[in-house]
Amino acid sequence: MVAHPDRPPSAVRSVSVEVLWDGDELLLTFNVEGLEHVALPDWAAPSRADGLWQTTCCELFLAPPGSDAYFEFNYSPSSQWAAYRFDSYRASGCDLQLSVAPQIDRGDPASAYLIEVDQDLSDLPPGPLQMSLTAVIEETDGTKSYWALAHAPGPPDFHNRATFIATLPAPAHP
């Protein structure tokens, strides 16, 4: 991932994501080099919550090709999460009901990862999906950097479809 050029990190050196896709299960591991400088929210009971992106938060955006609709998933190191459906760019956003809540594991000081997320995607439309992976990283000195696979011109905007540069292939079912 790359940091937005207008909002660079202070001490964090890199953010990367490992993606494993098996059927309807997506495993995302968000790694941060310089993790000791990241401001972590307090641990909370796993639950849906809004506004997670206002501090350290990892995100997944998915969109069916040829559709204006898209889905946003937010994952906090607190173990809280959010899932939304949008009809088009930042329009008609509503909670996306999930059959299975995501499982979020926060790394510890000995870990190489910030969080690991197990996300069931069986509630989404079948077929390949355009994908963007992003992160808001708040550091202990208050610096916030915005990381993504790609950034569109202008201020950080993870909802911009120009940043959905990866493809999550249709699940291979036996």
C-alpha atoms as a PDB file:
ATOM      1  CA  MET A   1       0.000   0.000   0.000  1.00  0.00           C
ATOM      2  CA  VAL A   2       1.068   3.607  -0.437  1.00  0.00           C
ATOM      3  CA  ALA A   3       0.521   6.572   1.845  1.00  0.00           C
ATOM      4  CA  HIS A   4      -1.409   9.541   0.465  1.00  0.00           C
ATOM      5  CA  PRO A   5       1.240  12.123  -0.543  1.00  0.00           C
ATOM      6  CA  ASP A   6      -0.597  14.977   1.235  1.00  0.00           C
ATOM      7  CA  ARG A   7      -0.922  13.033   4.525  1.00  0.00           C
ATOM      8  CA  PRO A   8       2.385  11.171   5.054  1.00  0.00           C
ATOM      9  CA  PRO A   9       3.154   9.146   8.172  1.00  0.00           C
ATOM     10  CA  SER A  10       5.490  10.382  10.879  1.00  0.00           C
ATOM     11  CA  ALA A  11       7.194   7.164  12.049  1.00  0.00           C
ATOM     12  CA  VAL A  12       5.247   4.336  10.356  1.00  0.00           C
ATOM     13  CA  ARG A  13       7.351   3.030   7.469  1.00  0.00           C
ATOM     14  CA  SER A  14       4.895   0.842   5.562  1.00  0.00           C
ATOM     15  CA  VAL A  15       1.480  -0.795   5.562  1.00  0.00           C
ATOM     16  CA  SER A  16       0.800  -4.009   3.652  1.00  0.00           C
ATOM     17  CA  VAL A  17      -2.024  -6.522   3.411  1.00  0.00           C
ATOM     18  CA  GLU A  18      -1.912 -10.261   2.858  1.00  0.00           C
ATOM     19  CA  VAL A  19      -5.068 -11.612   1.183  1.00  0.00           C
ATOM     20  CA  LEU A  20      -6.206 -15.246   1.295  1.00  0.00           C
ATOM     21  CA  TRP A  21      -9.445 -16.105  -0.525  1.00  0.00           C
ATOM     22  CA  ASP A  22     -11.075 -19.497  -0.029  1.00  0.00           C
ATOM     23  CA  GLY A  23     -14.673 -19.964  -1.143  1.00  0.00           C
ATOM     24  CA  ASP A  24     -16.684 -17.234   0.577  1.00  0.00           C
ATOM     25  CA  GLU A  25     -14.061 -16.668   3.292  1.00  0.00           C
ATOM     26  CA  LEU A  26     -11.608 -13.798   2.977  1.00  0.00           C
ATOM     27  CA  LEU A  27      -8.659 -13.611   5.370  1.00  0.00           C
ATOM     28  CA  LEU A  28      -6.938 -10.222   5.508  1.00  0.00           C
ATOM     29  CA  THR A  29      -3.755  -9.610   7.480  1.00  0.00           C
ATOM     30  CA  PHE A  30      -2.823  -5.935   7.797  1.00  0.00           C
ATOM     31  CA  ASN A  31       0.884  -5.510   8.582  1.00  0.00           C
ATOM     32  CA  VAL A  32       2.443  -2.244   9.764  1.00  0.00           C
ATOM     33  CA  GLU A  33       6.162  -1.609   9.815  1.00  0.00           C
ATOM     34  CA  GLY A  34       6.594   0.756  12.739  1.00  0.00           C
ATOM     35  CA  LEU A  35       3.679  -0.769  14.645  1.00  0.00           C
ATOM     36  CA  GLU A  36       5.121   0.479  17.941  1.00  0.00           C
ATOM     37  CA  HIS A  37       4.222   4.045  16.806  1.00  0.00           C
ATOM     38  CA  VAL A  38       0.542   3.265  16.073  1.00  0.00           C
ATOM     39  CA  ALA A  39      -2.152   4.614  18.403  1.00  0.00           C
ATOM     40  CA  LEU A  40      -4.389   1.655  19.156  1.00  0.00           C
ATOM     41  CA  PRO A  41      -7.969   2.068  20.332  1.00  0.00           C
ATOM     42  CA  ASP A  42      -8.889   0.279  23.557  1.00  0.00           C
ATOM     43  CA  TRP A  43     -10.044  -3.325  23.211  1.00  0.00           C
ATOM     44  CA  ALA A  44     -13.848  -3.598  23.090  1.00  0.00           C
ATOM     45  CA  ALA A  45     -16.387  -6.369  22.757  1.00  0.00           C
ATOM     46  CA  PRO A  46     -16.701  -7.409  19.098  1.00  0.00           C
ATOM     47  CA  SER A  47     -19.634  -5.407  17.761  1.00  0.00           C
ATOM     48  CA  ARG A  48     -20.846  -3.183  14.941  1.00  0.00           C
ATOM     49  CA  ALA A  49     -19.864   0.480  15.424  1.00  0.00           C
ATOM     50  CA  ASP A  50     -19.824   3.632  13.286  1.00  0.00           C
ATOM     51  CA  GLY A  51     -17.023   6.189  12.978  1.00  0.00           C
ATOM     52  CA  LEU A  52     -14.194   3.661  13.249  1.00  0.00           C
ATOM     53  CA  TRP A  53     -12.262   5.445  10.474  1.00  0.00           C
ATOM     54  CA  GLN A  54     -11.703   8.455  12.767  1.00  0.00           C
ATOM     55  CA  THR A  55      -8.688   6.665  14.267  1.00  0.00           C
ATOM     56  CA  THR A  56      -6.603   3.609  13.356  1.00  0.00           C
ATOM     57  CA  CYS A  57      -8.833   1.477  11.131  1.00  0.00           C
ATOM     58  CA  CYS A  58      -8.358  -0.977   8.265  1.00  0.00           C
ATOM     59  CA  GLU A  59     -10.864  -1.113   5.424  1.00  0.00           C
ATOM     60  CA  LEU A  60     -12.051  -3.244   2.534  1.00  0.00           C
ATOM     61  CA  PHE A  61     -14.083  -1.905  -0.395  1.00  0.00           C
ATOM     62  CA  LEU A  62     -15.745  -4.243  -2.909  1.00  0.00           C
ATOM     63  CA  ALA A  63     -17.867  -3.499  -5.977  1.00  0.00           C
ATOM     64  CA  PRO A  64     -19.539  -5.607  -8.650  1.00  0.00           C
ATOM     65  CA  PRO A  65     -18.061  -4.698 -12.053  1.00  0.00           C
ATOM     66  CA  GLY A  66     -20.411  -2.546 -14.139  1.00  0.00           C
ATOM     67  CA  SER A  67     -22.432  -1.423 -11.108  1.00  0.00           C
ATOM     68  CA  ASP A  68     -22.388   1.896  -9.265  1.00  0.00           C
ATOM     69  CA  ALA A  69     -23.124   0.054  -5.996  1.00  0.00           C
ATOM     70  CA  TYR A  70     -20.325  -0.914  -3.629  1.00  0.00           C
ATOM     71  CA  PHE A  71     -19.657  -2.252  -0.141  1.00  0.00           C
ATOM     72  CA  GLU A  72     -17.435  -0.869   2.609  1.00  0.00           C
ATOM     73  CA  PHE A  73     -16.080  -2.856   5.564  1.00  0.00           C
ATOM     74  CA  ASN A  74     -14.274  -1.165   8.481  1.00  0.00           C
ATOM     75  CA  TYR A  75     -12.163  -3.122  10.963  1.00  0.00           C
ATOM     76  CA  SER A  76     -10.777  -1.609  14.144  1.00  0.00           C
ATOM     77  CA  PRO A  77      -7.978  -3.008  16.288  1.00  0.00           C
ATOM     78  CA  SER A  78     -10.546  -2.605  19.118  1.00  0.00           C
ATOM     79  CA  SER A  79     -12.351  -5.635  17.537  1.00  0.00           C
ATOM     80  CA  GLN A  80     -15.284  -3.453  16.465  1.00  0.00           C
ATOM     81  CA  TRP A  81     -16.373  -3.455  12.838  1.00  0.00           C
ATOM     82  CA  ALA A  82     -18.806  -1.902  10.377  1.00  0.00           C
ATOM     83  CA  ALA A  83     -20.288  -2.938   7.030  1.00  0.00           C
ATOM     84  CA  TYR A  84     -22.134  -0.631   4.638  1.00  0.00           C
ATOM     85  CA  ARG A  85     -23.807  -0.756   1.235  1.00  0.00           C
ATOM     86  CA  PHE A  86     -23.833   2.273  -1.060  1.00  0.00           C
ATOM     87  CA  ASP A  87     -26.012   2.627  -4.183  1.00  0.00           C
ATOM     88  CA  SER A  88     -23.416   4.902  -5.805  1.00  0.00           C
ATOM     89  CA  TYR A  89     -20.521   7.187  -4.822  1.00  0.00           C
ATOM     90  CA  ARG A  90     -21.191   8.073  -1.168  1.00  0.00           C
ATOM     91  CA  ALA A  91     -24.967   7.910  -1.860  1.00  0.00           C
ATOM     92  CA  SER A  92     -27.710   6.012  -0.042  1.00  0.00           C
ATOM     93  CA  GLY A  93     -25.325   4.421   2.434  1.00  0.00           C
ATOM     94  CA  CYS A  94     -26.899   1.954   4.849  1.00  0.00           C
ATOM     95  CA  ASP A  95     -25.808  -0.857   7.136  1.00  0.00           C
ATOM     96  CA  LEU A  96     -25.073  -4.059   5.264  1.00  0.00           C
ATOM     97  CA  GLN A  97     -26.669  -6.944   7.132  1.00  0.00           C
ATOM     98  CA  LEU A  98     -24.274  -9.858   7.480  1.00  0.00           C
ATOM     99  CA  SER A  99     -25.124 -13.490   8.175  1.00  0.00           C
ATOM    100  CA  VAL A 100     -21.747 -13.910   9.868  1.00  0.00           C
ATOM    101  CA  ALA A 101     -19.935 -11.124  11.731  1.00  0.00           C
ATOM    102  CA  PRO A 102     -16.254 -10.665  10.896  1.00  0.00           C
ATOM    103  CA  GLN A 103     -13.695 -12.081  13.310  1.00  0.00           C
ATOM    104  CA  ILE A 104     -10.942  -9.602  14.171  1.00  0.00           C
ATOM    105  CA  ASP A 105      -7.710 -10.536  15.919  1.00  0.00           C
ATOM    106  CA  ARG A 106      -5.359  -7.778  17.040  1.00  0.00           C
ATOM    107  CA  GLY A 107      -1.672  -8.481  17.036  1.00  0.00           C
ATOM    108  CA  ASP A 108       0.435  -8.001  20.148  1.00  0.00           C
ATOM    109  CA  PRO A 109       3.860  -6.358  20.522  1.00  0.00           C
ATOM    110  CA  ALA A 110       5.525  -9.570  19.350  1.00  0.00           C
ATOM    111  CA  SER A 111       3.320  -9.800  16.229  1.00  0.00           C
ATOM    112  CA  ALA A 112       4.163  -8.544  12.799  1.00  0.00           C
ATOM    113  CA  TYR A 113       0.535  -7.632  12.136  1.00  0.00           C
ATOM    114  CA  LEU A 114      -1.844  -4.896  13.281  1.00  0.00           C
ATOM    115  CA  ILE A 115      -5.006  -6.961  12.747  1.00  0.00           C
ATOM    116  CA  GLU A 116      -6.105 -10.162  11.079  1.00  0.00           C
ATOM    117  CA  VAL A 117      -9.683 -10.314   9.791  1.00  0.00           C
ATOM    118  CA  ASP A 118     -11.753 -13.327   8.783  1.00  0.00           C
ATOM    119  CA  GLN A 119     -14.631 -11.956   6.663  1.00  0.00           C
ATOM    120  CA  ASP A 120     -17.427 -14.114   5.273  1.00  0.00           C
ATOM    121  CA  LEU A 121     -18.594 -12.638   1.946  1.00  0.00           C
ATOM    122  CA  SER A 122     -21.499 -15.002   1.242  1.00  0.00           C
ATOM    123  CA  ASP A 123     -23.959 -12.081   1.557  1.00  0.00           C
ATOM    124  CA  LEU A 124     -22.438 -10.280  -1.439  1.00  0.00           C
ATOM    125  CA  PRO A 125     -23.361 -10.794  -5.091  1.00  0.00           C
ATOM    126  CA  PRO A 126     -21.674 -13.799  -6.732  1.00  0.00           C
ATOM    127  CA  GLY A 127     -18.892 -13.275  -9.244  1.00  0.00           C
ATOM    128  CA  PRO A 128     -15.686 -11.290  -9.315  1.00  0.00           C
ATOM    129  CA  LEU A 129     -15.533  -8.014  -7.386  1.00  0.00           C
ATOM    130  CA  GLN A 130     -13.423  -4.913  -7.840  1.00  0.00           C
ATOM    131  CA  MET A 131     -11.459  -4.362  -4.634  1.00  0.00           C
ATOM    132  CA  SER A 132      -9.660  -1.668  -2.703  1.00  0.00           C
ATOM    133  CA  LEU A 133      -7.766  -2.181   0.540  1.00  0.00           C
ATOM    134  CA  THR A 134      -7.136   0.859   2.714  1.00  0.00           C
ATOM    135  CA  ALA A 135      -6.062   1.942   6.193  1.00  0.00           C
ATOM    136  CA  VAL A 136      -6.194   5.028   8.347  1.00  0.00           C
ATOM    137  CA  ILE A 137      -3.194   4.921  10.659  1.00  0.00           C
ATOM    138  CA  GLU A 138      -3.094   7.259  13.634  1.00  0.00           C
ATOM    139  CA  GLU A 139       0.272   7.461  15.328  1.00  0.00           C
ATOM    140  CA  THR A 140       0.979   8.131  18.992  1.00  0.00           C
ATOM    141  CA  ASP A 141       2.125  11.677  18.084  1.00  0.00           C
ATOM    142  CA  GLY A 142      -1.314  12.406  16.532  1.00  0.00           C
ATOM    143  CA  THR A 143      -0.230  12.082  12.879  1.00  0.00           C
ATOM    144  CA  LYS A 144      -2.861  10.427  10.661  1.00  0.00           C
ATOM    145  CA  SER A 145      -1.804   8.857   7.394  1.00  0.00           C
ATOM    146  CA  TYR A 146      -4.078   7.374   4.748  1.00  0.00           C
ATOM    147  CA  TRP A 147      -2.909   4.214   2.991  1.00  0.00           C
ATOM    148  CA  ALA A 148      -4.396   2.525  -0.085  1.00  0.00           C
ATOM    149  CA  LEU A 149      -3.484   0.365  -3.055  1.00  0.00           C
ATOM    150  CA  ALA A 150      -3.851   3.576  -5.119  1.00  0.00           C
ATOM    151  CA  HIS A 151      -4.982   7.150  -4.547  1.00  0.00           C
ATOM    152  CA  ALA A 152      -7.045   9.367  -6.832  1.00  0.00           C
ATOM    153  CA  PRO A 153      -5.990  13.004  -7.307  1.00  0.00           C
ATOM    154  CA  GLY A 154      -7.067  15.347  -4.499  1.00  0.00           C
ATOM    155  CA  PRO A 155      -7.546  14.689  -0.800  1.00  0.00           C
ATOM    156  CA  PRO A 156      -7.714  11.107   0.523  1.00  0.00           C
ATOM    157  CA  ASP A 157     -10.957   9.502  -0.710  1.00  0.00           C
ATOM    158  CA  PHE A 158     -11.245   5.755  -0.290  1.00  0.00           C
ATOM    159  CA  HIS A 159     -14.743   5.774  -1.854  1.00  0.00           C
ATOM    160  CA  ASN A 160     -13.396   6.911  -5.236  1.00  0.00           C
ATOM    161  CA  ARG A 161     -13.809   3.953  -7.605  1.00  0.00           C
ATOM    162  CA  ALA A 162     -10.555   4.856  -9.355  1.00  0.00           C
ATOM    163  CA  THR A 163      -8.848   3.358  -6.276  1.00  0.00           C
ATOM    164  CA  PHE A 164     -10.559  -0.052  -6.658  1.00  0.00           C
ATOM    165  CA  ILE A 165      -7.621  -1.405  -8.650  1.00  0.00           C
ATOM    166  CA  ALA A 166      -7.543  -5.037  -7.488  1.00  0.00           C
ATOM    167  CA  THR A 167      -9.925  -7.868  -8.343  1.00  0.00           C
ATOM    168  CA  LEU A 168     -11.270 -10.460  -5.962  1.00  0.00           C
ATOM    169  CA  PRO A 169     -12.064 -13.402  -8.255  1.00  0.00           C
ATOM    170  CA  ALA A 170     -15.353 -15.266  -8.103  1.00  0.00           C
ATOM    171  CA  PRO A 171     -15.161 -17.955  -5.430  1.00  0.00           C
ATOM    172  CA  ALA A 172     -14.216 -21.378  -6.703  1.00  0.00           C
ATOM    173  CA  HIS A 173     -16.788 -23.766  -5.273  1.00  0.00           C
ATOM    174  CA  PRO A 174     -16.121 -27.510  -5.532  1.00  0.00           C
END
